[in-house]
Structures are given as C-alpha cells and as structure tokens.
Amino acid sequence: MRRTSRRNQGWGRRRTPWGRILAGAAATMLVLGGGAVVGGRMLLSAATGTVTRQDLLGDARPQRERVEVEGAKNILLVGLDTRPGEEDQPARSDSIIILHIPEAHDHAYLVSLPRDTLVEIPEYDNGEVSFPGGANKINAAFALGSQGLTGAAALSGGFELLAMTVRDATGITPDAGAIIDFDGFTEVVEELGEVCMYVDGTVTSIHLGTNDRTGERAAPYVVNPDGTIRAKVRGVTPNVYEKGNRCFTPEEALDFVRQRDLLETNDFDYGRQRHQQQFMRAVLKNVLDEETTELPSLLAAVGRTMTVDDGGIPLEDWIFAMRGIRSDALTTLKVNDGEFNSETIDGVGSAEILDDTSVALFDAIAEDEVESFLTSNPTVVNDD
C-alpha cells in the first residue's frame, strides 16, 4: 500500500463535569460522540465553528457509493498521550473507543479496546516510512502509522493505520473519527470547572502529589518510559481519590483518568477504561443540564480540542440526526469481562487476547445487533 502525506484541510465555568478520554475518555474523543448525544440542545454554529476537520480515515473509510447520515454508524474515538517534552516522539493512542449508534439513532454504545490487545497490524506506507505489517499490540498502530511525520500529517498517518487495524481486528469499519490529546482534555475540563462522579474504588496517583516540605505539586513516583512505576519519591504524598462520590478539579480530573497502576480494584487498564467511560457518562448528563446561554463558550472549547474526520457528512447533519440520544441512553460495554486475558507472544511480550464473547460483541456491533446481543450477554454492560 502506498499513500502520500496529507495536510490539515482545513466546551463559562460552572460546577459540572467533563471527562475523556477520552480519555478518554475520554476521550472526550468521545468528544464527537458527546456532540452527538447533546445534539438536541446544541447551537450548531458554536458546536462546529472551531472544530479542526481533517482526513483521518484515508483508505480505512467505508467504500460506499453514497455517503449519508441514515443507518447504523460507528465512530472511532482516539485519545493521545502526548506529554511535555515528547512532542517529537510518535504519539501513543492511550485510549481507543468505538462509539456505536444503531440504525434508529436512539441509543449509543461505547466500548474500549484494551491498548495491549494482540492484533495483526497491516502493511502500510505513510509516504515517509514503510511498515511491513505484523503482529503487535494495537497501541502500536498509531505510532507506526505516524513515524517520520509531523503535525497534521502524523495525525492522519497514525489514525489511518489504527483505523485499518481496528477494521481488520473487529470487522468494524469506522464511519467517522475524532482525536483529542491530554492538553485539549485539560482545556475542556477547565471550561466546566469541576467534574463530579462516583469513584468505584480508591485510586492512588502515580503522577500527581504534594511535596511534604514545600506544599508544592510534585510527582510522587519515578515512572519508566513505558509508564510503569520505577520507585516511590521520598517526601512526596500522592493524591488519593477515595471510593465514593466526589468532584474533581481540572488537574485532578486529568490525573484520575490516566491512572492504571495503583487501583483498589487491581484491574489496571480495564479499571482505567471503566473510569473513562463513567467519566463520559457523568459529563454528558451534566452537559445536558447546561444553560443554553452558557453553551457557546463550552462548545467552542470542545471544538478547539478536536481533530475530526466527519466521514463526508457535515457535522451539523451528525448533530441533528443524533439529537434524540440522551445521556440515559448511553451504555458502556466491556471486553474480556473486564479482566485480563493475556498471553506471552514471541516478539510482542504480554498481550491481551480477545475472548469469544468479546469477538461476538464486535460482530454484533458490525452487524448492528447489539441490543439482541446484550439480551443474551447482559454481563458485558459495565456497572456504573
């Protein structure tokens, strides 16, 4: 396969939540999905005027004679972890979320793909660096697609290869896509002021803490390049997010949805995925309660955080078509029953293997049969 580098083509403060992650959330990438869910109350010009539109899907987009908003839709939401000082390094797709909207456009389902999922990444040439293809963790796809590129071209290359990988691994071809990074996520949370949700298990931060002597912010742990813990820093008390209802400041919100190591639930990436999805639901519910007069600045901030491939359908049409979806019609789903199903693979290391139920879930998404699938497999639904 040969492709050439592409260029970019050209949410007031209140006490309500927003999350990612994007994470993430957030994703927050989720941001495009969030826009769909709150569409009935959006001011369209504010919602779309600040969005960066870009060809992200490339050859991974559906091959159809006619592009239209009717029918079931799947949106790939990607959260990037590009940290200060690492801007020149290949970006990591820290969160990979599929937002499925059934044909009736009356519900939305979110499912996260564990970043260590074993997949076959296809052969790819981004115009600068060629990748021969091979088995790897799905988290590697974005970095491999963007290697040798910078700026908008790196986002396009990384997203395209990731979308192709998701398509080949799950049978789901994304109709649209969106990217948000951690910096953008912070801006959105700052616009909302604070984020309130139920924390299902105590979480200790490895990134954010307080110097016991000076009272200043400090990192409580030394973290390896791969994100694992190397050592505890003496004299620094880490932030601890206790189980129960709580509201997060913007700084705490971003920190919370990044945590995967010191979780009371001891489920690492699955815990982080669940927290990101719970965050999204809390945010969307409160955005629906947002006063109309406050929406423009909120939505403009959302737009500034996003890079979107609308799949050839104007964002205004997306919003209008999804206007009937409310926050209580957003269901979060889990793979591998929220537990690790890992194997050690030569040349890859420890990787997640999707179990039969997860494979069947993705088949149901691809065939727009999620509702009937959940009737037979109710444990796939996350308990929020």
Protein backbone atom coordinates (compact mmCIF):
# COMPACT_ATOMS: atom_id res chain seq x y z
CA MET A 1 0.00 0.00 0.00
CA ARG A 2 1.23 3.46 -0.80
CA ARG A 3 -0.12 6.73 0.45
CA THR A 4 1.22 10.24 0.47
CA SER A 5 1.36 12.61 3.39
CA ARG A 6 -1.80 14.69 3.78
CA ARG A 7 -2.15 18.16 5.19
CA ASN A 8 -4.79 19.51 7.51
CA GLN A 9 -7.81 20.62 5.45
CA GLY A 10 -9.00 22.65 6.55
CA TRP A 11 -16.55 23.48 25.51
CA GLY A 12 -18.07 29.69 31.16
CA ARG A 13 -17.01 27.90 34.13
CA ARG A 14 -19.69 26.04 36.13
CA ARG A 15 -19.83 23.17 38.59
CA THR A 16 -20.45 20.34 36.13
CA PRO A 17 -18.23 17.56 34.83
CA TRP A 18 -16.44 16.61 31.67
CA GLY A 19 -14.21 13.67 31.09
CA ARG A 20 -12.41 11.80 28.45
CA ILE A 21 -10.73 10.18 27.42
CA LEU A 22 -11.10 10.02 26.23
CA ALA A 23 -9.81 9.58 27.61
CA GLY A 24 -10.67 9.28 27.30
CA ALA A 25 -12.12 9.13 27.65
CA ALA A 26 -12.09 10.48 27.36
CA ALA A 27 -11.63 10.67 25.43
CA THR A 28 -13.57 13.03 25.30
CA MET A 29 -12.97 11.62 21.83
CA LEU A 30 -15.54 10.74 22.79
CA VAL A 31 -15.95 14.35 22.10
CA LEU A 32 -17.55 13.69 18.76
CA GLY A 33 -19.76 11.17 20.49
CA GLY A 34 -20.52 13.73 23.17
CA GLY A 35 -21.54 16.19 20.49
CA ALA A 36 -23.91 13.62 19.07
CA VAL A 37 -25.51 12.86 22.44
CA VAL A 38 -26.18 16.50 23.34
CA GLY A 39 -27.14 17.44 19.82
CA GLY A 40 -30.75 18.34 20.56
CA ARG A 41 -29.63 21.38 22.57
CA MET A 42 -26.57 22.42 20.65
CA LEU A 43 -26.09 25.74 19.00
CA LEU A 44 -24.77 24.40 15.72
CA SER A 45 -22.55 27.30 14.83
CA ALA A 46 -20.75 27.15 18.20
CA ALA A 47 -20.51 23.37 18.02
CA THR A 48 -18.85 23.21 14.64
CA GLY A 49 -17.11 26.52 14.06
CA THR A 50 -13.92 25.75 15.99
CA VAL A 51 -13.55 22.09 15.01
CA THR A 52 -10.45 21.11 13.04
CA ARG A 53 -11.53 18.96 10.13
CA GLN A 54 -9.01 16.59 8.65
CA ASP A 55 -8.81 13.44 6.55
CA LEU A 56 -8.03 10.84 9.22
CA LEU A 57 -9.60 7.64 7.92
CA GLY A 58 -7.97 7.59 4.49
CA ASP A 59 -8.19 4.14 2.95
CA ALA A 60 -9.94 2.83 6.11
CA ARG A 61 -13.16 4.69 5.34
CA PRO A 62 -16.22 2.72 4.14
CA GLN A 63 -16.39 2.12 0.41
CA ARG A 64 -19.90 3.31 -0.43
CA GLU A 65 -21.40 4.90 -3.49
CA ARG A 66 -23.43 7.29 -1.35
CA VAL A 67 -22.47 8.82 1.99
CA GLU A 68 -25.43 9.59 4.25
CA VAL A 69 -26.16 10.01 7.94
CA GLU A 70 -29.01 7.47 7.94
CA GLY A 71 -28.37 3.94 9.20
CA ALA A 72 -26.15 2.50 11.91
CA LYS A 73 -22.90 4.42 12.50
CA ASN A 74 -19.59 3.62 14.14
CA ILE A 75 -17.24 6.39 15.26
CA LEU A 76 -13.62 5.72 16.24
CA LEU A 77 -12.51 7.92 19.14
CA VAL A 78 -8.81 8.12 19.94
CA GLY A 79 -7.15 9.77 22.92
CA LEU A 80 -3.48 10.62 22.53
CA ASP A 81 -0.95 10.77 25.31
CA THR A 82 1.49 13.40 24.04
CA ARG A 83 3.30 14.73 27.09
CA PRO A 84 5.53 17.79 27.53
CA GLY A 85 8.95 17.20 26.02
CA GLU A 86 7.73 14.30 23.87
CA GLU A 87 6.13 16.30 21.04
CA ASP A 88 8.65 14.94 18.53
CA GLN A 89 8.06 11.31 19.52
CA PRO A 90 5.46 9.06 17.84
CA ALA A 91 2.18 9.64 19.66
CA ARG A 92 0.66 6.82 21.72
CA SER A 93 -3.03 6.05 21.29
CA ASP A 94 -3.72 5.89 25.03
CA SER A 95 -7.45 5.30 24.57
CA ILE A 96 -9.23 3.56 21.70
CA ILE A 97 -13.02 3.71 21.88
CA ILE A 98 -15.71 2.65 19.45
CA LEU A 99 -18.96 4.61 19.65
CA HIS A 100 -21.78 2.61 18.06
CA ILE A 101 -25.07 4.27 17.14
CA PRO A 102 -27.78 1.82 15.96
CA GLU A 103 -29.93 2.47 12.94
CA ALA A 104 -32.76 4.00 14.99
CA HIS A 105 -30.36 6.69 16.32
CA ASP A 106 -32.00 6.39 19.75
CA HIS A 107 -29.11 4.94 21.73
CA ALA A 108 -25.32 4.94 21.86
CA TYR A 109 -22.88 2.26 22.98
CA LEU A 110 -19.26 2.79 24.00
CA VAL A 111 -16.68 0.01 24.09
CA SER A 112 -12.95 0.41 24.71
CA LEU A 113 -10.32 -1.70 23.03
CA PRO A 114 -7.55 -2.54 25.53
CA ARG A 115 -4.37 -0.92 24.29
CA ASP A 116 -2.42 -4.18 24.74
CA THR A 117 -4.83 -6.17 22.55
CA LEU A 118 -2.95 -8.52 20.22
CA VAL A 119 -3.71 -7.66 16.59
CA GLU A 120 -2.25 -8.03 13.15
CA ILE A 121 -1.26 -4.52 12.04
CA PRO A 122 -1.47 -4.34 8.23
CA GLU A 123 1.25 -3.33 5.84
CA TYR A 124 1.42 0.45 5.48
CA ASP A 125 3.44 3.21 3.85
CA ASN A 126 2.78 6.76 5.01
CA GLY A 127 4.91 8.35 2.32
CA GLU A 128 7.96 8.68 4.58
CA VAL A 129 8.34 5.35 6.38
CA SER A 130 7.18 1.94 5.29
CA PHE A 131 5.88 -0.65 7.77
CA PRO A 132 5.82 -4.27 6.54
CA GLY A 133 2.94 -5.33 8.81
CA GLY A 134 2.95 -7.87 11.60
CA ALA A 135 1.61 -8.94 14.97
CA ASN A 136 1.76 -6.30 17.71
CA LYS A 137 -0.27 -4.59 20.41
CA ILE A 138 -2.98 -2.36 19.00
CA ASN A 139 -1.45 0.58 20.86
CA ALA A 140 1.49 0.45 18.43
CA ALA A 141 -0.59 1.09 15.32
CA PHE A 142 -0.90 4.85 15.72
CA ALA A 143 2.80 5.31 16.38
CA LEU A 144 3.77 3.10 13.44
CA GLY A 145 1.47 4.99 11.09
CA SER A 146 2.80 8.38 12.13
CA GLN A 147 6.53 7.60 12.21
CA GLY A 148 8.61 10.03 10.18
CA LEU A 149 5.77 12.55 10.00
CA THR A 150 4.93 15.66 11.99
CA GLY A 151 1.88 17.80 12.68
CA ALA A 152 -1.34 17.12 10.81
CA ALA A 153 0.32 14.53 8.57
CA ALA A 154 1.37 12.49 11.63
CA LEU A 155 -2.22 12.52 12.94
CA SER A 156 -3.54 11.37 9.58
CA GLY A 157 -1.00 8.60 9.17
CA GLY A 158 -1.37 7.33 12.72
CA PHE A 159 -5.16 7.42 12.69
CA GLU A 160 -5.45 5.75 9.30
CA LEU A 161 -3.29 2.79 10.25
CA LEU A 162 -5.09 2.46 13.60
CA ALA A 163 -8.49 2.55 11.84
CA MET A 164 -7.35 -0.10 9.37
CA THR A 165 -6.13 -2.22 12.28
CA VAL A 166 -9.44 -1.84 14.15
CA ARG A 167 -11.33 -2.73 10.99
CA ASP A 168 -9.29 -5.88 10.38
CA ALA A 169 -9.35 -6.97 14.06
CA THR A 170 -13.04 -6.36 14.78
CA GLY A 171 -14.83 -6.23 11.44
CA ILE A 172 -15.98 -2.67 12.26
CA THR A 173 -15.28 -0.04 9.62
CA PRO A 174 -15.42 3.46 11.18
CA ASP A 175 -17.79 5.91 9.51
CA ALA A 176 -16.10 8.87 11.21
CA GLY A 177 -13.33 9.55 13.68
CA ALA A 178 -12.02 12.04 16.21
CA ILE A 179 -8.77 12.70 18.07
CA ILE A 180 -8.22 14.52 21.34
CA ASP A 181 -5.00 14.81 23.32
CA PHE A 182 -4.41 15.35 27.03
CA ASP A 183 -3.76 19.08 26.65
CA GLY A 184 -7.08 19.52 24.88
CA PHE A 185 -8.83 17.45 27.52
CA THR A 186 -7.50 19.76 30.23
CA GLU A 187 -8.90 22.80 28.44
CA VAL A 188 -12.35 21.24 28.27
CA VAL A 189 -12.36 20.40 31.99
CA GLU A 190 -11.21 23.94 32.80
CA GLU A 191 -14.22 25.29 30.93
CA LEU A 192 -16.53 23.14 33.07
CA GLY A 193 -14.82 23.99 36.34
CA GLU A 194 -15.09 20.64 38.10
CA VAL A 195 -16.08 17.06 37.33
CA CYS A 196 -18.36 15.11 39.67
CA MET A 197 -18.83 11.35 39.62
CA TYR A 198 -18.87 8.20 41.73
CA VAL A 199 -15.43 6.64 42.22
CA ASP A 200 -15.90 2.86 42.36
CA GLY A 201 -12.62 2.09 44.10
CA THR A 202 -9.84 4.11 45.74
CA VAL A 203 -7.21 5.27 43.26
CA THR A 204 -3.68 6.42 44.18
CA SER A 205 -1.99 8.71 41.69
CA ILE A 206 1.47 7.95 40.38
CA HIS A 207 1.69 11.31 38.60
CA LEU A 208 0.31 13.95 40.99
CA GLY A 209 1.21 14.60 44.62
CA THR A 210 2.31 17.22 47.16
CA ASN A 211 5.82 17.91 48.46
CA ASP A 212 5.54 17.39 52.24
CA ARG A 213 8.03 20.19 52.97
CA THR A 214 7.07 22.91 50.49
CA GLY A 215 3.42 22.08 49.84
CA GLU A 216 4.04 22.36 46.11
CA ARG A 217 2.87 19.95 43.44
CA ALA A 218 5.32 17.13 42.77
CA ALA A 219 5.46 13.71 41.18
CA PRO A 220 5.13 11.00 43.87
CA TYR A 221 6.71 8.24 41.79
CA VAL A 222 9.50 7.86 39.29
CA VAL A 223 7.87 6.42 36.17
CA ASN A 224 9.63 4.43 33.46
CA PRO A 225 9.29 5.44 29.78
CA ASP A 226 6.71 2.68 29.28
CA GLY A 227 4.53 4.16 32.06
CA THR A 228 5.35 1.58 34.73
CA ILE A 229 6.48 2.55 38.24
CA ARG A 230 10.20 2.57 38.98
CA ALA A 231 10.29 3.93 42.54
CA LYS A 232 8.42 5.98 45.17
CA VAL A 233 9.72 9.53 45.70
CA ARG A 234 10.52 10.26 49.35
CA GLY A 235 8.82 13.26 50.88
CA VAL A 236 6.01 13.42 48.36
CA THR A 237 2.45 12.37 49.26
CA PRO A 238 0.46 11.18 46.26
CA ASN A 239 -3.08 12.30 45.51
CA VAL A 240 -5.59 9.67 46.64
CA TYR A 241 -9.08 9.59 45.15
CA GLU A 242 -11.21 7.77 47.72
CA LYS A 243 -14.11 5.49 46.84
CA GLY A 244 -17.43 7.34 46.82
CA ASN A 245 -18.97 10.48 45.34
CA ARG A 246 -16.53 13.30 44.69
CA CYS A 247 -15.87 16.29 42.48
CA PHE A 248 -12.56 16.68 40.68
CA THR A 249 -10.72 19.87 39.83
CA PRO A 250 -9.48 20.06 36.22
CA GLU A 251 -6.00 18.98 37.29
CA GLU A 252 -7.35 16.07 39.34
CA ALA A 253 -9.76 15.01 36.58
CA LEU A 254 -6.98 14.64 34.03
CA ASP A 255 -4.86 12.80 36.58
CA PHE A 256 -7.66 10.42 37.62
CA VAL A 257 -8.48 9.17 34.13
CA ARG A 258 -4.79 8.46 33.42
CA GLN A 259 -4.33 6.10 36.38
CA ARG A 260 -3.97 2.37 35.83
CA ASP A 261 -1.40 1.13 38.36
CA LEU A 262 -2.47 1.76 41.96
CA LEU A 263 -6.17 0.95 41.74
CA GLU A 264 -8.06 -0.65 44.64
CA THR A 265 -9.89 -2.75 42.07
CA ASN A 266 -6.49 -4.00 40.84
CA ASP A 267 -7.65 -4.23 37.23
CA PHE A 268 -5.17 -1.82 35.62
CA ASP A 269 -6.13 -0.90 32.04
CA TYR A 270 -9.64 -2.28 32.47
CA GLY A 271 -10.13 -0.05 35.50
CA ARG A 272 -8.87 2.94 33.58
CA GLN A 273 -11.17 2.18 30.66
CA ARG A 274 -14.13 1.86 33.03
CA HIS A 275 -13.30 5.14 34.76
CA GLN A 276 -13.00 6.92 31.43
CA GLN A 277 -16.39 5.62 30.33
CA GLN A 278 -18.00 6.51 33.68
CA PHE A 279 -16.47 9.96 33.35
CA MET A 280 -18.01 10.40 29.93
CA ARG A 281 -21.48 9.47 31.14
CA ALA A 282 -21.25 11.90 34.07
CA VAL A 283 -20.09 14.67 31.77
CA LEU A 284 -22.73 14.13 29.12
CA LYS A 285 -25.50 14.06 31.71
CA ASN A 286 -24.38 17.40 33.10
CA VAL A 287 -23.80 18.96 29.71
CA LEU A 288 -27.46 18.26 29.00
CA ASP A 289 -28.26 20.39 32.05
CA GLU A 290 -26.09 23.24 30.81
CA GLU A 291 -27.87 26.58 30.49
CA THR A 292 -28.33 27.50 26.84
CA THR A 293 -26.72 30.89 27.38
CA GLU A 294 -23.55 29.19 28.56
CA LEU A 295 -23.31 26.68 25.72
CA PRO A 296 -21.42 28.74 23.13
CA SER A 297 -18.20 29.11 25.14
CA LEU A 298 -18.40 25.49 26.28
CA LEU A 299 -18.91 24.17 22.77
CA ALA A 300 -16.27 26.41 21.29
CA ALA A 301 -13.76 24.97 23.77
CA VAL A 302 -14.80 21.44 22.80
CA GLY A 303 -14.24 22.27 19.17
CA ARG A 304 -10.75 23.59 19.85
CA THR A 305 -9.75 20.25 21.37
CA MET A 306 -10.87 18.13 18.43
CA THR A 307 -9.49 16.92 15.16
CA VAL A 308 -12.40 15.30 13.31
CA ASP A 309 -12.97 13.28 10.18
CA ASP A 310 -16.71 13.63 9.63
CA GLY A 311 -16.80 10.85 7.07
CA GLY A 312 -18.13 13.18 4.41
CA ILE A 313 -21.22 14.06 6.45
CA PRO A 314 -21.39 17.67 7.69
CA LEU A 315 -21.12 17.93 11.48
CA GLU A 316 -24.42 19.80 11.55
CA ASP A 317 -26.08 16.74 9.99
CA TRP A 318 -24.44 14.43 12.52
CA ILE A 319 -25.73 16.59 15.37
CA PHE A 320 -29.25 16.86 14.00
CA ALA A 321 -29.52 13.13 13.31
CA MET A 322 -28.38 12.19 16.82
CA ARG A 323 -30.48 14.79 18.66
CA GLY A 324 -32.77 12.13 20.22
CA ILE A 325 -29.98 10.38 22.13
CA ARG A 326 -29.96 11.38 25.79
CA SER A 327 -27.38 10.67 28.49
CA ASP A 328 -29.50 7.85 29.97
CA ALA A 329 -29.38 6.16 26.56
CA LEU A 330 -25.58 5.87 26.64
CA THR A 331 -24.41 2.36 27.56
CA THR A 332 -20.80 1.48 28.28
CA LEU A 333 -19.60 -2.02 27.47
CA LYS A 334 -16.56 -4.09 28.42
CA VAL A 335 -14.44 -6.72 26.74
CA ASN A 336 -12.96 -9.84 28.32
CA ASP A 337 -15.45 -9.39 31.19
CA GLY A 338 -13.22 -6.58 32.46
CA GLU A 339 -10.40 -8.99 33.31
CA PHE A 340 -7.01 -9.72 31.84
CA ASN A 341 -6.85 -12.47 29.28
CA SER A 342 -3.19 -12.29 28.39
CA GLU A 343 -0.61 -14.47 26.75
CA THR A 344 3.11 -14.02 26.19
CA ILE A 345 3.75 -13.72 22.45
CA ASP A 346 7.20 -14.04 20.89
CA GLY A 347 8.40 -10.65 19.71
CA VAL A 348 5.47 -8.86 21.34
CA GLY A 349 5.56 -9.77 25.03
CA SER A 350 2.49 -9.97 27.24
CA ALA A 351 -0.57 -9.09 25.18
CA GLU A 352 -4.34 -9.17 25.63
CA ILE A 353 -6.29 -11.82 23.72
CA LEU A 354 -9.96 -11.08 23.00
CA ASP A 355 -12.19 -13.88 24.32
CA ASP A 356 -15.03 -15.42 22.34
CA THR A 357 -17.68 -13.18 23.91
CA SER A 358 -15.71 -10.05 23.03
CA VAL A 359 -15.28 -11.22 19.45
CA ALA A 360 -19.03 -11.85 19.30
CA LEU A 361 -19.65 -8.34 20.71
CA PHE A 362 -17.66 -6.76 17.92
CA ASP A 363 -19.50 -8.91 15.39
CA ALA A 364 -22.80 -7.63 16.85
CA ILE A 365 -21.59 -4.04 16.54
CA ALA A 366 -20.57 -4.59 12.94
CA GLU A 367 -23.97 -6.12 12.15
CA ASP A 368 -25.93 -3.56 14.25
CA GLU A 369 -27.31 -6.30 16.50
CA VAL A 370 -26.05 -5.02 19.85
CA GLU A 371 -29.43 -4.89 21.59
CA SER A 372 -30.16 -8.56 20.93
CA PHE A 373 -26.57 -9.49 21.83
CA LEU A 374 -26.88 -7.78 25.22
CA THR A 375 -30.12 -9.63 25.93
CA SER A 376 -28.13 -12.87 25.77
CA ASN A 377 -24.94 -11.40 27.31
CA PRO A 378 -26.02 -8.86 29.99
CA THR A 379 -22.71 -9.05 31.89
CA VAL A 380 -21.00 -7.21 29.04
CA VAL A 381 -22.64 -3.99 30.29
CA ASN A 382 -20.47 -2.04 32.73
CA ASP A 383 -21.95 -1.46 36.18
CA ASP A 384 -21.55 2.29 36.71
